[in-house]
Amino acid sequence: MSVKRLVLLFAAVALAACSDSTYGSASGCTPTAAKVCSVGGVAFSPVTLTVTAGTTVAWQNGDGVTHTVTNDPASTATFNLSLGNGATVTRQFPDTGHFPYHCTFHGTPGAGMHGTIIVH
């Protein structure tokens, strides 16, 4: 095997070891009952989070790229939170409903980097 192929194989293995699309990247961000992570592959995890009314939801940047947490036009709540590299932002959801959101840099309403908070 050529040196170039060995380097490419090593890089692919190292990248796979440092990123887990379910639980975040090497930063250690792990989703919880009230926390959403931005993860490798430019995605929110979990995509849908269900909480009770009054819960404060946190978004933690776990992939090292700046994001936003911005309400979709269909959402009855208005929010536009900047989620910088390594940052955590929060928002309380006092009312019941479905609150879709997206990253303005990496998604559009319902596509790309997006998610939904469901409040019961």
C-alpha atoms as a PDB file:
ATOM      1  CA  MET A   1       0.000   0.000   0.000  1.00  0.00           C
ATOM      2  CA  SER A   2       1.341   3.448  -0.903  1.00  0.00           C
ATOM      3  CA  VAL A   3       2.210   6.045   1.695  1.00  0.00           C
ATOM      4  CA  LYS A   4      -0.556   8.309   0.354  1.00  0.00           C
ATOM      5  CA  ARG A   5      -3.179   5.563   0.836  1.00  0.00           C
ATOM      6  CA  LEU A   6      -1.894   4.844   4.341  1.00  0.00           C
ATOM      7  CA  VAL A   7      -2.152   8.533   5.252  1.00  0.00           C
ATOM      8  CA  LEU A   8      -5.707   8.708   3.882  1.00  0.00           C
ATOM      9  CA  LEU A   9      -6.700   5.531   5.742  1.00  0.00           C
ATOM     10  CA  PHE A  10      -5.214   6.854   8.998  1.00  0.00           C
ATOM     11  CA  ALA A  11      -7.035  10.183   8.569  1.00  0.00           C
ATOM     12  CA  ALA A  12     -10.366   8.423   7.975  1.00  0.00           C
ATOM     13  CA  VAL A  13      -9.927   6.219  11.059  1.00  0.00           C
ATOM     14  CA  ALA A  14      -8.907   9.203  13.214  1.00  0.00           C
ATOM     15  CA  LEU A  15     -11.905  11.230  12.032  1.00  0.00           C
ATOM     16  CA  ALA A  16     -14.309   8.385  12.770  1.00  0.00           C
ATOM     17  CA  ALA A  17     -12.836   7.962  16.251  1.00  0.00           C
ATOM     18  CA  CYS A  18     -13.279  11.654  17.085  1.00  0.00           C
ATOM     19  CA  SER A  19     -16.868  12.083  15.963  1.00  0.00           C
ATOM     20  CA  ASP A  20     -20.083  10.339  16.913  1.00  0.00           C
ATOM     21  CA  SER A  21     -23.172  11.641  15.118  1.00  0.00           C
ATOM     22  CA  THR A  22     -25.421  10.449  17.945  1.00  0.00           C
ATOM     23  CA  TYR A  23     -23.661  11.874  20.961  1.00  0.00           C
ATOM     24  CA  GLY A  24     -21.510  14.727  19.744  1.00  0.00           C
ATOM     25  CA  SER A  25     -17.918  15.110  18.771  1.00  0.00           C
ATOM     26  CA  ALA A  26     -14.618  15.055  20.572  1.00  0.00           C
ATOM     27  CA  SER A  27     -15.782  17.998  22.717  1.00  0.00           C
ATOM     28  CA  GLY A  28     -17.825  15.597  24.840  1.00  0.00           C
ATOM     29  CA  CYS A  29     -21.257  17.100  24.271  1.00  0.00           C
ATOM     30  CA  THR A  30     -23.888  14.553  25.252  1.00  0.00           C
ATOM     31  CA  PRO A  31     -27.600  15.258  24.730  1.00  0.00           C
ATOM     32  CA  THR A  32     -29.802  15.066  27.824  1.00  0.00           C
ATOM     33  CA  ALA A  33     -33.498  15.412  28.610  1.00  0.00           C
ATOM     34  CA  ALA A  34     -33.117  19.205  28.279  1.00  0.00           C
ATOM     35  CA  LYS A  35     -29.979  19.635  26.152  1.00  0.00           C
ATOM     36  CA  VAL A  36     -29.459  19.568  22.384  1.00  0.00           C
ATOM     37  CA  CYS A  37     -25.954  19.253  20.931  1.00  0.00           C
ATOM     38  CA  SER A  38     -24.594  20.431  17.628  1.00  0.00           C
ATOM     39  CA  VAL A  39     -22.585  17.475  16.411  1.00  0.00           C
ATOM     40  CA  GLY A  40     -20.184  16.452  13.654  1.00  0.00           C
ATOM     41  CA  GLY A  41     -21.857  16.407  10.270  1.00  0.00           C
ATOM     42  CA  VAL A  42     -23.481  19.773  11.055  1.00  0.00           C
ATOM     43  CA  ALA A  43     -26.616  18.443  12.784  1.00  0.00           C
ATOM     44  CA  PHE A  44     -28.574  18.896  15.996  1.00  0.00           C
ATOM     45  CA  SER A  45     -28.881  15.859  18.275  1.00  0.00           C
ATOM     46  CA  PRO A  46     -31.518  14.953  19.120  1.00  0.00           C
ATOM     47  CA  VAL A  47     -33.463  16.383  16.185  1.00  0.00           C
ATOM     48  CA  THR A  48     -36.667  16.338  18.259  1.00  0.00           C
ATOM     49  CA  LEU A  49     -36.623  17.057  21.990  1.00  0.00           C
ATOM     50  CA  THR A  50     -39.782  16.689  24.090  1.00  0.00           C
ATOM     51  CA  VAL A  51     -39.978  18.586  27.395  1.00  0.00           C
ATOM     52  CA  THR A  52     -42.609  19.781  29.861  1.00  0.00           C
ATOM     53  CA  ALA A  53     -43.845  23.379  29.967  1.00  0.00           C
ATOM     54  CA  GLY A  54     -41.468  25.637  31.863  1.00  0.00           C
ATOM     55  CA  THR A  55     -38.325  23.680  30.938  1.00  0.00           C
ATOM     56  CA  THR A  56     -35.197  25.603  30.031  1.00  0.00           C
ATOM     57  CA  VAL A  57     -33.584  23.941  27.022  1.00  0.00           C
ATOM     58  CA  ALA A  58     -29.836  24.255  26.430  1.00  0.00           C
ATOM     59  CA  TRP A  59     -28.019  23.960  23.097  1.00  0.00           C
ATOM     60  CA  GLN A  60     -24.307  23.169  23.318  1.00  0.00           C
ATOM     61  CA  ASN A  61     -21.925  23.585  20.402  1.00  0.00           C
ATOM     62  CA  GLY A  62     -20.067  20.300  20.163  1.00  0.00           C
ATOM     63  CA  ASP A  63     -18.651  20.458  16.649  1.00  0.00           C
ATOM     64  CA  GLY A  64     -16.511  23.623  16.617  1.00  0.00           C
ATOM     65  CA  VAL A  65     -18.424  25.506  13.911  1.00  0.00           C
ATOM     66  CA  THR A  66     -20.550  28.575  14.711  1.00  0.00           C
ATOM     67  CA  HIS A  67     -24.320  27.989  14.491  1.00  0.00           C
ATOM     68  CA  THR A  68     -27.573  29.724  15.295  1.00  0.00           C
ATOM     69  CA  VAL A  69     -30.707  28.405  16.937  1.00  0.00           C
ATOM     70  CA  THR A  70     -33.383  30.313  15.022  1.00  0.00           C
ATOM     71  CA  ASN A  71     -37.129  29.773  15.068  1.00  0.00           C
ATOM     72  CA  ASP A  72     -38.770  28.597  11.846  1.00  0.00           C
ATOM     73  CA  PRO A  73     -41.561  30.811  10.457  1.00  0.00           C
ATOM     74  CA  ALA A  74     -44.074  28.108  11.538  1.00  0.00           C
ATOM     75  CA  SER A  75     -43.023  28.455  15.188  1.00  0.00           C
ATOM     76  CA  THR A  76     -45.212  30.451  17.561  1.00  0.00           C
ATOM     77  CA  ALA A  77     -42.114  31.397  19.579  1.00  0.00           C
ATOM     78  CA  THR A  78     -39.504  33.850  18.330  1.00  0.00           C
ATOM     79  CA  PHE A  79     -35.829  33.235  19.086  1.00  0.00           C
ATOM     80  CA  ASN A  80     -32.493  33.705  17.344  1.00  0.00           C
ATOM     81  CA  LEU A  81     -29.608  32.544  19.508  1.00  0.00           C
ATOM     82  CA  SER A  82     -25.967  32.664  18.424  1.00  0.00           C
ATOM     83  CA  LEU A  83     -24.150  29.409  19.253  1.00  0.00           C
ATOM     84  CA  GLY A  84     -20.435  30.057  18.958  1.00  0.00           C
ATOM     85  CA  ASN A  85     -17.629  27.521  19.058  1.00  0.00           C
ATOM     86  CA  GLY A  86     -17.818  25.674  22.390  1.00  0.00           C
ATOM     87  CA  ALA A  87     -20.687  27.857  23.649  1.00  0.00           C
ATOM     88  CA  THR A  88     -23.955  26.930  25.351  1.00  0.00           C
ATOM     89  CA  VAL A  89     -27.162  28.954  25.003  1.00  0.00           C
ATOM     90  CA  THR A  90     -30.508  28.482  26.742  1.00  0.00           C
ATOM     91  CA  ARG A  91     -34.156  29.357  26.270  1.00  0.00           C
ATOM     92  CA  GLN A  92     -37.123  28.628  28.486  1.00  0.00           C
ATOM     93  CA  PHE A  93     -40.274  27.186  26.880  1.00  0.00           C
ATOM     94  CA  PRO A  94     -43.159  28.198  29.171  1.00  0.00           C
ATOM     95  CA  ASP A  95     -45.982  27.306  26.757  1.00  0.00           C
ATOM     96  CA  THR A  96     -47.027  24.028  25.172  1.00  0.00           C
ATOM     97  CA  GLY A  97     -46.633  23.518  21.431  1.00  0.00           C
ATOM     98  CA  HIS A  98     -44.238  22.535  18.649  1.00  0.00           C
ATOM     99  CA  PHE A  99     -41.313  24.888  18.126  1.00  0.00           C
ATOM    100  CA  PRO A 100     -39.310  24.101  14.978  1.00  0.00           C
ATOM    101  CA  TYR A 101     -35.922  25.774  14.549  1.00  0.00           C
ATOM    102  CA  HIS A 102     -32.875  25.721  12.273  1.00  0.00           C
ATOM    103  CA  CYS A 103     -29.326  27.027  11.922  1.00  0.00           C
ATOM    104  CA  THR A 104     -29.306  30.013   9.577  1.00  0.00           C
ATOM    105  CA  PHE A 105     -25.788  29.079   8.392  1.00  0.00           C
ATOM    106  CA  HIS A 106     -26.334  25.358   7.767  1.00  0.00           C
ATOM    107  CA  GLY A 107     -30.039  24.790   7.258  1.00  0.00           C
ATOM    108  CA  THR A 108     -33.415  26.093   6.269  1.00  0.00           C
ATOM    109  CA  PRO A 109     -36.792  25.541   7.917  1.00  0.00           C
ATOM    110  CA  GLY A 110     -37.298  21.760   7.885  1.00  0.00           C
ATOM    111  CA  ALA A 111     -34.071  20.915   6.025  1.00  0.00           C
ATOM    112  CA  GLY A 112     -30.358  20.716   6.685  1.00  0.00           C
ATOM    113  CA  MET A 113     -29.446  21.554  10.274  1.00  0.00           C
ATOM    114  CA  HIS A 114     -32.839  21.786  11.971  1.00  0.00           C
ATOM    115  CA  GLY A 115     -34.783  20.510  14.961  1.00  0.00           C
ATOM    116  CA  THR A 116     -38.004  20.746  16.914  1.00  0.00           C
ATOM    117  CA  ILE A 117     -38.764  21.338  20.583  1.00  0.00           C
ATOM    118  CA  ILE A 118     -42.097  19.754  21.582  1.00  0.00           C
ATOM    119  CA  VAL A 119     -43.510  21.102  24.837  1.00  0.00           C
ATOM    120  CA  HIS A 120     -46.285  19.247  26.726  1.00  0.00           C
END
